Amino acid sequence: MSQFEYILFFRKGKGVRINNCGTSDILSVPNKKMKSADGKNLHDTEKPVELMQILIENSSQVGDIVFDPFMGIGATGIAAKRLKRRFIGAELDEIYFNIAKERIEGVNDESEVQK
């Protein structure tokens, strides 16, 4: 599998400056996937919360809405909540949606207890 992914940003309206212009254009963040009780990945394409935090912090302000149309198990929602952004997520798979909902609701004071 590839060791990189392209990231696309979309913004409605006029362009806005990136908050942290010193951020590298190549981000290297370890991707430790959450495991189920039987040791299998909960979601094969899970993204690291730390990566989502960097991207959200660079591209939005406190109180902005972050939308993830492919929410998976909620890394973007966790990052948004930690950074005091509002979050809207969509996920077709009910199992993934319920995992994401539980994880996002479990975020308190910018922290998450790892399962």
N, C-alpha and C. Protein backbone atom coordinates (compact mmCIF):
# COMPACT_ATOMS: atom_id res chain seq x y z
N MET A 1 0.84 -1.19 0.00
CA MET A 1 0.00 0.00 0.00
C MET A 1 0.88 1.24 0.00
N SER A 2 0.32 2.31 -0.49
CA SER A 2 1.03 3.59 -0.50
C SER A 2 1.34 4.04 0.91
N GLN A 3 2.41 4.76 1.05
CA GLN A 3 2.77 5.31 2.34
C GLN A 3 2.41 6.79 2.43
N PHE A 4 1.57 7.24 1.50
CA PHE A 4 1.13 8.63 1.54
C PHE A 4 -0.27 8.73 0.97
N GLU A 5 -0.93 9.83 1.29
CA GLU A 5 -2.24 10.14 0.74
C GLU A 5 -2.29 11.61 0.39
N TYR A 6 -3.01 11.94 -0.64
CA TYR A 6 -3.24 13.33 -0.99
C TYR A 6 -4.37 13.85 -0.10
N ILE A 7 -4.28 15.11 0.28
CA ILE A 7 -5.31 15.73 1.11
C ILE A 7 -5.88 16.90 0.34
N LEU A 8 -7.19 16.94 0.21
CA LEU A 8 -7.86 18.02 -0.50
C LEU A 8 -8.67 18.86 0.48
N PHE A 9 -8.56 20.17 0.33
CA PHE A 9 -9.35 21.10 1.15
C PHE A 9 -10.33 21.82 0.26
N PHE A 10 -11.53 21.99 0.74
CA PHE A 10 -12.53 22.76 0.03
C PHE A 10 -13.07 23.82 0.97
N ARG A 11 -13.27 25.01 0.44
CA ARG A 11 -13.76 26.11 1.25
C ARG A 11 -14.80 26.86 0.44
N LYS A 12 -15.89 27.18 1.06
CA LYS A 12 -16.93 27.96 0.40
C LYS A 12 -16.60 29.44 0.57
N GLY A 13 -16.64 30.16 -0.52
CA GLY A 13 -16.40 31.59 -0.45
C GLY A 13 -14.94 31.94 -0.70
N LYS A 14 -14.59 33.15 -0.30
CA LYS A 14 -13.25 33.70 -0.53
C LYS A 14 -12.18 32.90 0.23
N GLY A 15 -11.02 32.77 -0.36
CA GLY A 15 -9.91 32.07 0.28
C GLY A 15 -9.48 32.76 1.57
N VAL A 16 -8.98 31.96 2.48
CA VAL A 16 -8.53 32.46 3.78
C VAL A 16 -7.10 31.97 4.00
N ARG A 17 -6.31 32.79 4.66
CA ARG A 17 -4.91 32.42 4.93
C ARG A 17 -4.84 31.18 5.83
N ILE A 18 -3.80 30.39 5.63
CA ILE A 18 -3.52 29.25 6.50
C ILE A 18 -3.02 29.80 7.83
N ASN A 19 -3.47 29.22 8.93
CA ASN A 19 -3.13 29.73 10.25
C ASN A 19 -1.65 29.55 10.60
N ASN A 20 -1.07 28.42 10.29
CA ASN A 20 0.32 28.13 10.64
C ASN A 20 1.12 27.91 9.35
N CYS A 21 1.54 29.00 8.74
CA CYS A 21 2.21 28.90 7.43
C CYS A 21 3.52 28.13 7.49
N GLY A 22 4.08 27.91 8.67
CA GLY A 22 5.33 27.17 8.79
C GLY A 22 5.15 25.67 8.75
N THR A 23 3.91 25.19 8.68
CA THR A 23 3.67 23.75 8.64
C THR A 23 4.21 23.17 7.34
N SER A 24 4.90 22.06 7.45
CA SER A 24 5.47 21.40 6.28
C SER A 24 4.38 20.99 5.31
N ASP A 25 4.72 20.93 4.02
CA ASP A 25 3.74 20.45 3.04
C ASP A 25 3.73 18.93 2.98
N ILE A 26 4.64 18.29 3.70
CA ILE A 26 4.62 16.84 3.87
C ILE A 26 4.55 16.58 5.37
N LEU A 27 3.47 15.95 5.80
CA LEU A 27 3.26 15.67 7.22
C LEU A 27 3.49 14.19 7.47
N SER A 28 4.32 13.89 8.44
CA SER A 28 4.59 12.50 8.79
C SER A 28 4.06 12.25 10.20
N VAL A 29 2.95 11.54 10.26
CA VAL A 29 2.29 11.26 11.54
C VAL A 29 2.06 9.76 11.63
N PRO A 30 2.53 9.12 12.71
CA PRO A 30 2.31 7.67 12.86
C PRO A 30 0.82 7.34 12.83
N ASN A 31 0.48 6.25 12.18
CA ASN A 31 -0.92 5.86 12.06
C ASN A 31 -1.15 4.55 12.80
N LYS A 32 -1.33 4.65 14.09
CA LYS A 32 -1.62 3.48 14.91
C LYS A 32 -3.13 3.26 14.90
N LYS A 33 -3.56 2.18 14.30
CA LYS A 33 -5.00 1.92 14.15
C LYS A 33 -5.59 1.29 15.42
N MET A 34 -6.83 1.67 15.70
CA MET A 34 -7.55 1.08 16.83
C MET A 34 -7.91 -0.36 16.48
N LYS A 35 -7.85 -1.22 17.47
CA LYS A 35 -8.13 -2.65 17.26
C LYS A 35 -9.41 -3.06 17.99
N SER A 36 -10.09 -4.05 17.42
CA SER A 36 -11.25 -4.64 18.08
C SER A 36 -10.76 -5.66 19.11
N ALA A 37 -11.67 -6.25 19.85
CA ALA A 37 -11.31 -7.22 20.88
C ALA A 37 -10.57 -8.43 20.29
N ASP A 38 -10.85 -8.75 19.03
CA ASP A 38 -10.18 -9.90 18.40
C ASP A 38 -8.88 -9.51 17.68
N GLY A 39 -8.43 -8.27 17.86
CA GLY A 39 -7.16 -7.83 17.32
C GLY A 39 -7.19 -7.29 15.90
N LYS A 40 -8.37 -7.24 15.28
CA LYS A 40 -8.49 -6.72 13.92
C LYS A 40 -8.66 -5.19 13.96
N ASN A 41 -8.25 -4.53 12.87
CA ASN A 41 -8.45 -3.09 12.77
C ASN A 41 -9.94 -2.77 12.83
N LEU A 42 -10.30 -1.74 13.60
CA LEU A 42 -11.70 -1.32 13.60
C LEU A 42 -12.09 -0.74 12.25
N HIS A 43 -11.15 -0.03 11.61
CA HIS A 43 -11.41 0.58 10.31
C HIS A 43 -10.09 0.60 9.54
N ASP A 44 -10.07 0.02 8.36
CA ASP A 44 -8.82 -0.13 7.62
C ASP A 44 -8.21 1.18 7.14
N THR A 45 -9.01 2.21 6.94
CA THR A 45 -8.47 3.49 6.45
C THR A 45 -8.56 4.59 7.51
N GLU A 46 -8.50 4.20 8.76
CA GLU A 46 -8.54 5.16 9.87
C GLU A 46 -7.40 6.17 9.75
N LYS A 47 -7.70 7.44 10.02
CA LYS A 47 -6.69 8.49 10.01
C LYS A 47 -6.32 8.85 11.45
N PRO A 48 -5.07 9.25 11.68
CA PRO A 48 -4.65 9.64 13.03
C PRO A 48 -5.30 10.94 13.47
N VAL A 49 -5.78 10.99 14.69
CA VAL A 49 -6.39 12.20 15.24
C VAL A 49 -5.38 13.35 15.19
N GLU A 50 -4.12 13.06 15.48
CA GLU A 50 -3.09 14.10 15.48
C GLU A 50 -2.98 14.78 14.10
N LEU A 51 -3.06 14.00 13.03
CA LEU A 51 -3.02 14.56 11.68
C LEU A 51 -4.22 15.46 11.44
N MET A 52 -5.39 14.99 11.83
CA MET A 52 -6.60 15.78 11.63
C MET A 52 -6.53 17.09 12.42
N GLN A 53 -5.93 17.05 13.61
CA GLN A 53 -5.78 18.27 14.41
C GLN A 53 -4.91 19.29 13.69
N ILE A 54 -3.80 18.84 13.11
CA ILE A 54 -2.92 19.76 12.37
C ILE A 54 -3.69 20.41 11.23
N LEU A 55 -4.41 19.62 10.47
CA LEU A 55 -5.13 20.14 9.31
C LEU A 55 -6.27 21.08 9.70
N ILE A 56 -7.01 20.70 10.73
CA ILE A 56 -8.13 21.55 11.18
C ILE A 56 -7.62 22.86 11.77
N GLU A 57 -6.57 22.76 12.58
CA GLU A 57 -6.02 23.97 13.21
C GLU A 57 -5.48 24.94 12.15
N ASN A 58 -4.88 24.40 11.09
CA ASN A 58 -4.33 25.25 10.03
C ASN A 58 -5.40 25.90 9.17
N SER A 59 -6.56 25.30 9.08
CA SER A 59 -7.53 25.74 8.07
C SER A 59 -8.84 26.28 8.64
N SER A 60 -8.93 26.46 9.96
CA SER A 60 -10.19 26.94 10.53
C SER A 60 -9.93 27.72 11.81
N GLN A 61 -10.98 28.33 12.29
CA GLN A 61 -10.93 29.10 13.53
C GLN A 61 -11.86 28.45 14.56
N VAL A 62 -11.63 28.75 15.84
CA VAL A 62 -12.51 28.27 16.90
C VAL A 62 -13.96 28.65 16.54
N GLY A 63 -14.86 27.69 16.67
CA GLY A 63 -16.27 27.92 16.37
C GLY A 63 -16.68 27.62 14.94
N ASP A 64 -15.71 27.47 14.03
CA ASP A 64 -16.03 27.13 12.64
C ASP A 64 -16.63 25.72 12.56
N ILE A 65 -17.28 25.44 11.45
CA ILE A 65 -17.84 24.11 11.20
C ILE A 65 -16.85 23.31 10.36
N VAL A 66 -16.57 22.09 10.81
CA VAL A 66 -15.74 21.14 10.06
C VAL A 66 -16.67 20.03 9.60
N PHE A 67 -16.66 19.72 8.29
CA PHE A 67 -17.51 18.69 7.72
C PHE A 67 -16.66 17.56 7.18
N ASP A 68 -16.97 16.34 7.59
CA ASP A 68 -16.29 15.15 7.08
C ASP A 68 -17.33 14.24 6.46
N PRO A 69 -17.39 14.18 5.11
CA PRO A 69 -18.42 13.38 4.45
C PRO A 69 -18.16 11.87 4.48
N PHE A 70 -16.98 11.47 4.95
CA PHE A 70 -16.61 10.06 5.05
C PHE A 70 -16.02 9.82 6.44
N MET A 71 -16.84 9.93 7.45
CA MET A 71 -16.42 10.04 8.84
C MET A 71 -15.69 8.82 9.39
N GLY A 72 -15.97 7.64 8.88
CA GLY A 72 -15.31 6.45 9.42
C GLY A 72 -15.58 6.32 10.91
N ILE A 73 -14.51 6.17 11.70
CA ILE A 73 -14.71 6.00 13.14
C ILE A 73 -14.39 7.29 13.92
N GLY A 74 -14.39 8.43 13.22
CA GLY A 74 -14.48 9.71 13.90
C GLY A 74 -13.23 10.50 14.23
N ALA A 75 -12.08 10.23 13.62
CA ALA A 75 -10.86 10.97 13.95
C ALA A 75 -11.04 12.48 13.72
N THR A 76 -11.68 12.86 12.63
CA THR A 76 -11.86 14.28 12.34
C THR A 76 -12.78 14.92 13.37
N GLY A 77 -13.83 14.23 13.78
CA GLY A 77 -14.73 14.75 14.80
C GLY A 77 -14.05 14.93 16.14
N ILE A 78 -13.19 13.99 16.51
CA ILE A 78 -12.44 14.10 17.76
C ILE A 78 -11.53 15.32 17.72
N ALA A 79 -10.80 15.46 16.61
CA ALA A 79 -9.89 16.59 16.47
C ALA A 79 -10.65 17.91 16.50
N ALA A 80 -11.78 17.96 15.80
CA ALA A 80 -12.59 19.19 15.78
C ALA A 80 -13.06 19.55 17.18
N LYS A 81 -13.54 18.58 17.91
CA LYS A 81 -14.04 18.85 19.27
C LYS A 81 -12.91 19.31 20.18
N ARG A 82 -11.75 18.67 20.09
CA ARG A 82 -10.60 19.09 20.90
C ARG A 82 -10.21 20.53 20.61
N LEU A 83 -10.36 20.95 19.35
CA LEU A 83 -9.96 22.29 18.93
C LEU A 83 -11.10 23.30 19.00
N LYS A 84 -12.21 22.90 19.61
CA LYS A 84 -13.38 23.77 19.80
C LYS A 84 -14.01 24.24 18.48
N ARG A 85 -14.06 23.31 17.53
CA ARG A 85 -14.78 23.55 16.28
C ARG A 85 -16.07 22.77 16.34
N ARG A 86 -17.06 23.22 15.60
CA ARG A 86 -18.30 22.46 15.47
C ARG A 86 -18.06 21.40 14.38
N PHE A 87 -18.74 20.27 14.51
CA PHE A 87 -18.47 19.16 13.60
C PHE A 87 -19.75 18.57 13.04
N ILE A 88 -19.70 18.28 11.74
CA ILE A 88 -20.77 17.54 11.07
C ILE A 88 -20.08 16.39 10.34
N GLY A 89 -20.53 15.18 10.60
CA GLY A 89 -19.95 14.01 9.94
C GLY A 89 -21.03 13.15 9.32
N ALA A 90 -20.68 12.50 8.23
CA ALA A 90 -21.60 11.57 7.56
C ALA A 90 -20.89 10.23 7.38
N GLU A 91 -21.61 9.15 7.65
CA GLU A 91 -21.05 7.81 7.49
C GLU A 91 -22.16 6.84 7.13
N LEU A 92 -22.00 6.09 6.04
CA LEU A 92 -23.00 5.14 5.59
C LEU A 92 -23.09 3.90 6.48
N ASP A 93 -21.95 3.44 6.97
CA ASP A 93 -21.91 2.21 7.76
C ASP A 93 -22.34 2.50 9.19
N GLU A 94 -23.43 1.90 9.62
CA GLU A 94 -23.98 2.17 10.95
C GLU A 94 -23.02 1.76 12.08
N ILE A 95 -22.28 0.69 11.88
CA ILE A 95 -21.32 0.26 12.89
C ILE A 95 -20.24 1.32 13.08
N TYR A 96 -19.67 1.80 11.97
CA TYR A 96 -18.66 2.85 12.07
C TYR A 96 -19.25 4.13 12.67
N PHE A 97 -20.47 4.47 12.24
CA PHE A 97 -21.11 5.68 12.76
C PHE A 97 -21.23 5.60 14.28
N ASN A 98 -21.68 4.47 14.80
CA ASN A 98 -21.86 4.32 16.25
C ASN A 98 -20.52 4.38 17.00
N ILE A 99 -19.47 3.80 16.42
CA ILE A 99 -18.15 3.90 17.03
C ILE A 99 -17.70 5.35 17.07
N ALA A 100 -17.87 6.06 15.95
CA ALA A 100 -17.48 7.47 15.88
C ALA A 100 -18.26 8.31 16.89
N LYS A 101 -19.55 8.08 16.95
CA LYS A 101 -20.40 8.84 17.88
C LYS A 101 -19.92 8.67 19.31
N GLU A 102 -19.65 7.44 19.70
CA GLU A 102 -19.18 7.15 21.06
C GLU A 102 -17.82 7.81 21.32
N ARG A 103 -16.91 7.72 20.36
CA ARG A 103 -15.58 8.32 20.53
C ARG A 103 -15.66 9.84 20.64
N ILE A 104 -16.45 10.45 19.78
CA ILE A 104 -16.56 11.92 19.79
C ILE A 104 -17.22 12.40 21.07
N GLU A 105 -18.27 11.72 21.48
CA GLU A 105 -18.95 12.10 22.73
C GLU A 105 -18.05 11.91 23.94
N GLY A 106 -17.04 11.03 23.84
CA GLY A 106 -16.14 10.76 24.95
C GLY A 106 -15.02 11.76 25.11
N VAL A 107 -14.92 12.73 24.19
CA VAL A 107 -13.86 13.73 24.26
C VAL A 107 -14.25 14.80 25.26
N ASN A 108 -13.38 14.98 26.28
CA ASN A 108 -13.60 16.01 27.30
C ASN A 108 -12.32 16.81 27.48
N ASP A 109 -12.45 18.11 27.58
CA ASP A 109 -11.32 18.98 27.86
C ASP A 109 -10.11 18.69 26.97
N GLU A 110 -10.36 18.61 25.66
CA GLU A 110 -9.32 18.44 24.67
C GLU A 110 -8.51 17.16 24.85
N SER A 111 -9.12 16.11 25.40
CA SER A 111 -8.41 14.84 25.55
C SER A 111 -9.36 13.70 25.22
N GLU A 112 -8.78 12.55 24.92
CA GLU A 112 -9.57 11.36 24.60
C GLU A 112 -8.91 10.18 25.28
N VAL A 113 -9.69 9.37 25.92
CA VAL A 113 -9.17 8.14 26.51
C VAL A 113 -9.11 7.11 25.41
N GLN A 114 -7.92 6.56 25.15
CA GLN A 114 -7.76 5.54 24.12
C GLN A 114 -8.39 4.24 24.58
N LYS A 115 -9.04 3.54 23.68
CA LYS A 115 -9.67 2.26 24.00
C LYS A 115 -8.70 1.14 23.77
